[in-house]
Amino acid sequence: MKVIHLDHNHPDLINGLKELGWENIENYSDAKGVIEQSISAYDGLVVRSRFPIDASFLKKAKNLKFIARVGAGMENIDINQAKSQGIQLFSAPEGNATAVAEHALGMLLALLNNLPQANHQVKSGVWAREANRGNEVAGKTIGLIGYGHMGKSFASVLKGLNVEVIYHDILNNIGNDDACQVSLSELQERADVVSLHTPETDLTVGMVNSVFIEQFTKPFWLINTARGKSVVTEDLVTALKSGKIRGAALDVLEYEKSSFENMFQNKALPDAFVYLTQSDKVILSPHVAGWTVESHQKLAQTLINKIRKVFV
């Protein structure tokens, strides 16, 4: 088997494929069009998010047997076209679920306790105790939207915090003892905190918009460690200004490039994003929830294990 790698990943991935006796070609710089010209020579493709693997690309990959996505989401791959060609698809949500859960927990605690704002103030010589009075997580109802690997992992880390965890998912009978499945309307009625754990699909793009937000019975905090396009940023800003959303912690943004790389190359940033960067109610991080030292290796190991089961 001959495998092409389009993104830098943990060396365990290449080493694991070498142990199978496979040839690894690393190409981290050529443009998509250049790679298309030679993709028919490869049996396997390992990609993170460098560019979309669309139908036109796949049609040239006449000998491709598998695509391994080093991550959870598969929105950058034309899944239907791949399946029509008999290409096996691998992803690795198990590899960074713990990292995402811990990041979401950190964001939750920081958001409710005003930690970024307080840290900045104290370092600037401001000692404002009353202005930074926080809210306890204990006793709150945490509503998760999406209950796959990421949602389940977050529910698990919340267990010791004396909270009630509920979730909504389009699939039934996927729950466990860490959370209770409810309808979307019930979640909107009860939740004090909403955390998104959904993939990017036609159903989730633009999901958190003004209509969605207004359907909540009480003001809530929002956490998004899933996909940026799930939240309509202008509607989020409107809700932050009105108090309908009490605060937001966002690891992902609507304006990200599909490669998840530097979004600041375009200096004409939208007004709504500028508001997020200036608001004390908002915590931002650069799409790193699943980006830990440990998950870097676990993603590679997860994919190797899945590939072995199919091809060895």
Protein backbone atom coordinates (compact mmCIF):
# COMPACT_ATOMS: atom_id res chain seq x y z
CA MET A 1 0.00 0.00 0.00
CA LYS A 2 1.18 3.51 -0.82
CA VAL A 3 -0.13 6.32 1.41
CA ILE A 4 0.09 10.09 0.93
CA HIS A 5 0.04 12.41 3.97
CA LEU A 6 -1.20 15.97 3.35
CA ASP A 7 -0.76 17.41 6.87
CA HIS A 8 1.84 17.16 9.60
CA ASN A 9 0.62 14.78 12.30
CA HIS A 10 2.07 12.79 15.18
CA PRO A 11 4.94 10.55 14.02
CA ASP A 12 3.16 7.50 15.47
CA LEU A 13 0.85 7.62 12.46
CA ILE A 14 3.58 7.25 9.86
CA ASN A 15 5.52 4.82 12.03
CA GLY A 16 2.43 2.66 12.52
CA LEU A 17 1.85 2.46 8.77
CA LYS A 18 5.53 1.66 8.21
CA GLU A 19 5.17 -1.26 10.59
CA LEU A 20 2.50 -2.61 8.25
CA GLY A 21 5.07 -2.51 5.46
CA TRP A 22 3.38 0.39 3.70
CA GLU A 23 5.11 3.21 1.85
CA ASN A 24 4.49 6.74 3.16
CA ILE A 25 4.78 9.86 1.01
CA GLU A 26 4.70 13.19 2.84
CA ASN A 27 3.47 16.15 0.80
CA TYR A 28 2.72 19.17 2.96
CA SER A 29 3.15 21.96 0.43
CA ASP A 30 1.94 21.17 -3.08
CA ALA A 31 -1.30 22.77 -4.21
CA LYS A 32 -4.43 20.67 -4.51
CA GLY A 33 -4.23 20.71 -8.31
CA VAL A 34 -0.72 19.30 -8.26
CA ILE A 35 -1.67 16.49 -5.89
CA GLU A 36 -4.71 15.66 -8.02
CA GLN A 37 -2.41 14.84 -10.92
CA SER A 38 -0.76 12.02 -8.98
CA ILE A 39 -3.45 10.91 -6.52
CA SER A 40 -4.31 7.86 -8.64
CA ALA A 41 -0.96 6.38 -7.60
CA TYR A 42 -2.03 6.09 -3.95
CA ASP A 43 -3.96 3.51 -1.98
CA GLY A 44 -4.41 5.66 1.14
CA LEU A 45 -4.82 9.34 2.00
CA VAL A 46 -4.18 10.88 5.42
CA VAL A 47 -5.55 14.39 5.85
CA ARG A 48 -6.44 16.80 8.60
CA SER A 49 -8.01 19.92 7.07
CA ARG A 50 -5.60 21.31 4.50
CA PHE A 51 -8.11 21.44 1.65
CA PRO A 52 -11.49 19.90 0.77
CA ILE A 53 -11.49 16.36 -0.58
CA ASP A 54 -14.31 16.96 -3.04
CA ALA A 55 -15.88 14.89 -5.80
CA SER A 56 -13.57 16.14 -8.55
CA PHE A 57 -10.52 15.21 -6.47
CA LEU A 58 -11.91 11.80 -5.58
CA LYS A 59 -12.79 10.92 -9.16
CA LYS A 60 -9.09 11.17 -9.97
CA ALA A 61 -8.23 8.92 -7.01
CA LYS A 62 -9.07 5.76 -8.92
CA ASN A 63 -7.07 3.40 -6.69
CA LEU A 64 -7.78 4.98 -3.32
CA LYS A 65 -8.84 2.43 -0.71
CA PHE A 66 -9.11 4.64 2.36
CA ILE A 67 -9.08 8.20 3.68
CA ALA A 68 -7.99 8.75 7.28
CA ARG A 69 -9.12 12.08 8.78
CA VAL A 70 -6.97 13.07 11.77
CA GLY A 71 -9.85 14.54 13.74
CA ALA A 72 -13.54 14.07 14.37
CA GLY A 73 -15.53 15.89 11.68
CA MET A 74 -15.76 14.72 8.07
CA GLU A 75 -17.36 17.83 6.54
CA ASN A 76 -14.28 18.50 4.39
CA ILE A 77 -14.74 15.18 2.59
CA ASP A 78 -17.41 14.36 0.00
CA ILE A 79 -18.62 11.29 1.86
CA ASN A 80 -21.19 10.22 -0.73
CA GLN A 81 -18.65 10.29 -3.55
CA ALA A 82 -16.11 8.40 -1.46
CA LYS A 83 -18.65 5.70 -0.61
CA SER A 84 -19.71 5.40 -4.24
CA GLN A 85 -16.09 4.57 -5.09
CA GLY A 86 -15.83 2.05 -2.26
CA ILE A 87 -13.35 4.16 -0.31
CA GLN A 88 -13.18 3.33 3.40
CA LEU A 89 -13.45 6.41 5.65
CA PHE A 90 -11.78 6.67 9.04
CA SER A 91 -12.04 9.46 11.61
CA ALA A 92 -10.85 9.63 15.19
CA PRO A 93 -13.32 11.37 17.53
CA GLU A 94 -12.26 9.01 20.31
CA GLY A 95 -8.77 10.49 20.13
CA ASN A 96 -9.57 14.02 21.25
CA ALA A 97 -12.88 13.64 23.11
CA THR A 98 -11.19 13.97 26.51
CA ALA A 99 -9.31 17.06 25.39
CA VAL A 100 -12.51 18.71 24.14
CA ALA A 101 -14.37 17.88 27.35
CA GLU A 102 -11.65 19.32 29.57
CA HIS A 103 -11.42 22.47 27.43
CA ALA A 104 -15.19 22.93 27.62
CA LEU A 105 -15.06 22.51 31.39
CA GLY A 106 -12.28 25.06 31.66
CA MET A 107 -14.28 27.51 29.55
CA LEU A 108 -17.39 26.91 31.66
CA LEU A 109 -15.61 27.62 34.95
CA ALA A 110 -13.75 30.62 33.55
CA LEU A 111 -16.91 32.08 32.03
CA LEU A 112 -19.07 31.82 35.13
CA ASN A 113 -16.30 33.18 37.37
CA ASN A 114 -15.12 36.05 35.13
CA LEU A 115 -11.57 34.71 35.25
CA PRO A 116 -10.15 36.24 32.02
CA GLN A 117 -11.52 39.67 32.93
CA ALA A 118 -10.32 39.44 36.54
CA ASN A 119 -6.88 38.25 35.47
CA HIS A 120 -6.50 41.16 33.05
CA GLN A 121 -7.70 43.69 35.61
CA VAL A 122 -5.38 42.55 38.39
CA LYS A 123 -2.39 42.51 36.03
CA SER A 124 -3.38 46.06 35.03
CA GLY A 125 -3.50 47.23 38.65
CA VAL A 126 -7.29 47.07 39.07
CA TRP A 127 -8.63 45.31 42.20
CA ALA A 128 -12.38 45.01 41.49
CA ARG A 129 -13.87 42.31 43.68
CA GLU A 130 -17.59 43.07 43.43
CA ALA A 131 -17.43 43.55 39.66
CA ASN A 132 -16.01 40.04 39.40
CA ARG A 133 -18.46 38.23 41.66
CA GLY A 134 -19.00 34.88 39.94
CA ASN A 135 -21.71 32.26 39.59
CA GLU A 136 -21.38 28.71 40.91
CA VAL A 137 -21.75 25.87 38.46
CA ALA A 138 -23.27 23.65 41.16
CA GLY A 139 -27.05 23.50 40.94
CA LYS A 140 -27.16 24.56 37.30
CA THR A 141 -28.76 22.60 34.46
CA ILE A 142 -26.27 21.99 31.65
CA GLY A 143 -27.86 21.34 28.26
CA LEU A 144 -25.77 19.53 25.66
CA ILE A 145 -26.75 19.63 22.01
CA GLY A 146 -25.24 16.56 20.40
CA TYR A 147 -24.38 13.43 22.36
CA GLY A 148 -21.70 11.64 20.41
CA HIS A 149 -18.15 11.10 21.64
CA MET A 150 -17.64 14.77 22.57
CA GLY A 151 -20.99 15.25 24.31
CA LYS A 152 -20.60 12.04 26.30
CA SER A 153 -17.08 12.96 27.35
CA PHE A 154 -18.19 16.39 28.59
CA ALA A 155 -21.11 14.85 30.49
CA SER A 156 -18.67 12.49 32.16
CA VAL A 157 -16.38 15.26 33.45
CA LEU A 158 -19.40 17.22 34.72
CA LYS A 159 -20.51 14.38 37.01
CA GLY A 160 -18.68 15.61 40.10
CA LEU A 161 -19.93 19.19 39.94
CA ASN A 162 -23.43 18.70 41.37
CA VAL A 163 -25.13 19.72 38.14
CA GLU A 164 -28.00 18.25 36.16
CA VAL A 165 -26.95 17.29 32.64
CA ILE A 166 -29.54 16.96 29.90
CA TYR A 167 -28.99 16.53 26.18
CA HIS A 168 -30.76 16.72 22.85
CA ASP A 169 -29.71 14.64 19.86
CA ILE A 170 -31.44 13.73 16.59
CA LEU A 171 -30.72 10.07 17.40
CA ASN A 172 -32.58 8.14 20.08
CA ASN A 173 -31.29 5.50 22.48
CA ILE A 174 -27.68 6.73 22.51
CA GLY A 175 -27.65 7.90 26.13
CA ASN A 176 -25.99 6.67 29.30
CA ASP A 177 -26.21 7.35 33.02
CA ASP A 178 -24.34 10.67 32.75
CA ALA A 179 -27.17 12.63 31.10
CA CYS A 180 -30.88 12.50 30.35
CA GLN A 181 -32.20 12.83 26.80
CA VAL A 182 -34.85 15.53 26.31
CA SER A 183 -36.58 17.26 23.43
CA LEU A 184 -35.07 20.48 22.12
CA SER A 185 -38.00 22.46 23.53
CA GLU A 186 -37.45 20.98 27.00
CA LEU A 187 -33.74 21.77 26.83
CA GLN A 188 -34.60 25.35 25.85
CA GLU A 189 -36.96 25.57 28.80
CA ARG A 190 -34.58 24.23 31.45
CA ALA A 191 -30.96 24.93 30.52
CA ASP A 192 -28.79 27.47 32.33
CA VAL A 193 -25.79 26.58 30.17
CA VAL A 194 -25.82 25.29 26.58
CA SER A 195 -22.83 23.46 25.13
CA LEU A 196 -22.63 22.48 21.46
CA HIS A 197 -21.19 19.10 20.45
CA THR A 198 -22.54 18.68 16.93
CA PRO A 199 -20.81 18.05 13.59
CA GLU A 200 -21.15 20.49 10.70
CA THR A 201 -24.16 19.38 8.65
CA ASP A 202 -27.04 21.00 6.79
CA LEU A 203 -29.02 20.78 10.04
CA THR A 204 -26.42 22.47 12.24
CA VAL A 205 -25.12 25.30 10.05
CA GLY A 206 -26.74 28.48 11.40
CA MET A 207 -28.56 26.47 14.07
CA VAL A 208 -27.96 28.99 16.87
CA ASN A 209 -29.74 32.00 15.40
CA SER A 210 -32.13 34.63 16.75
CA VAL A 211 -35.16 32.32 16.59
CA PHE A 212 -33.31 29.52 18.38
CA ILE A 213 -32.02 31.88 21.08
CA GLU A 214 -35.39 33.51 21.77
CA GLN A 215 -36.98 30.11 22.35
CA PHE A 216 -35.03 29.75 25.61
CA THR A 217 -37.09 30.43 28.72
CA LYS A 218 -34.28 32.07 30.67
CA PRO A 219 -30.96 33.76 29.92
CA PHE A 220 -28.15 31.24 29.45
CA TRP A 221 -24.43 30.87 28.92
CA LEU A 222 -23.26 29.41 25.59
CA ILE A 223 -20.21 27.21 24.98
CA ASN A 224 -19.12 26.12 21.51
CA THR A 225 -16.24 23.70 21.06
CA ALA A 226 -17.84 22.06 18.00
CA ARG A 227 -18.08 23.96 14.71
CA GLY A 228 -18.11 27.73 14.25
CA LYS A 229 -20.73 27.81 11.52
CA SER A 230 -23.31 26.44 13.96
CA VAL A 231 -23.61 29.92 15.51
CA VAL A 232 -24.79 33.01 13.64
CA THR A 233 -22.38 35.50 15.17
CA GLU A 234 -24.47 38.61 14.54
CA ASP A 235 -27.42 37.00 16.35
CA LEU A 236 -25.13 35.94 19.20
CA VAL A 237 -23.91 39.53 19.57
CA THR A 238 -27.48 40.83 19.64
CA ALA A 239 -28.32 38.33 22.40
CA LEU A 240 -25.20 39.24 24.39
CA LYS A 241 -26.14 42.92 24.22
CA SER A 242 -29.72 42.23 25.33
CA GLY A 243 -28.69 39.85 28.10
CA LYS A 244 -30.55 36.89 26.61
CA ILE A 245 -27.16 35.18 26.44
CA ARG A 246 -25.28 35.90 29.66
CA GLY A 247 -21.88 35.04 28.22
CA ALA A 248 -20.23 32.94 25.54
CA ALA A 249 -17.11 30.79 25.39
CA LEU A 250 -16.12 30.03 21.81
CA ASP A 251 -13.29 27.80 20.67
CA VAL A 252 -14.60 27.93 17.10
CA LEU A 253 -15.86 30.81 14.98
CA GLU A 254 -18.20 31.28 12.06
CA TYR A 255 -15.45 33.13 10.20
CA GLU A 256 -12.81 30.40 10.31
CA LYS A 257 -11.30 29.16 7.10
CA SER A 258 -12.11 25.55 6.25
CA SER A 259 -8.49 24.64 7.02
CA PHE A 260 -8.93 26.02 10.57
CA GLU A 261 -5.70 27.98 10.09
CA ASN A 262 -4.99 31.71 10.47
CA MET A 263 -8.23 33.67 10.14
CA PHE A 264 -6.49 37.00 10.59
CA GLN A 265 -4.97 37.01 7.11
CA ASN A 266 -8.01 39.01 6.04
CA LYS A 267 -7.72 42.19 8.08
CA ALA A 268 -11.26 43.35 7.23
CA LEU A 269 -12.80 41.51 10.17
CA PRO A 270 -16.61 41.58 10.60
CA ASP A 271 -18.05 44.00 13.16
CA ALA A 272 -19.67 41.14 15.07
CA PHE A 273 -16.31 39.45 15.52
CA VAL A 274 -14.71 42.70 16.66
CA TYR A 275 -17.42 42.92 19.33
CA LEU A 276 -16.56 39.41 20.54
CA THR A 277 -12.90 40.35 20.90
CA GLN A 278 -13.78 43.40 23.00
CA SER A 279 -16.55 42.01 25.22
CA ASP A 280 -15.91 40.98 28.83
CA LYS A 281 -18.77 38.49 28.40
CA VAL A 282 -16.86 36.47 25.82
CA ILE A 283 -13.97 34.00 26.03
CA LEU A 284 -12.23 33.01 22.78
CA SER A 285 -9.65 30.36 21.92
CA PRO A 286 -8.20 29.46 18.49
CA HIS A 287 -9.86 26.09 17.76
CA VAL A 288 -7.66 24.21 20.22
CA ALA A 289 -10.20 22.35 22.36
CA GLY A 290 -9.08 19.02 20.94
CA TRP A 291 -5.48 20.15 20.45
CA THR A 292 -3.54 18.79 23.42
CA VAL A 293 -0.19 17.05 23.63
CA GLU A 294 -2.00 13.85 24.56
CA SER A 295 -4.71 14.06 21.89
CA HIS A 296 -2.03 14.65 19.22
CA GLN A 297 -0.76 11.15 19.87
CA LYS A 298 -4.13 9.55 20.62
CA LEU A 299 -5.58 10.69 17.29
CA ALA A 300 -2.74 8.92 15.48
CA GLN A 301 -3.07 5.78 17.56
CA THR A 302 -6.84 5.66 17.07
CA LEU A 303 -6.49 5.80 13.29
CA ILE A 304 -3.76 3.17 13.20
CA ASN A 305 -5.94 0.82 15.24
CA LYS A 306 -8.94 1.34 12.93
CA ILE A 307 -6.87 0.88 9.77
CA ARG A 308 -5.33 -2.32 11.08
CA LYS A 309 -8.73 -3.83 11.82
CA VAL A 310 -9.82 -3.39 8.22
CA PHE A 311 -6.66 -3.98 6.21
CA VAL A 312 -4.58 -6.41 8.27
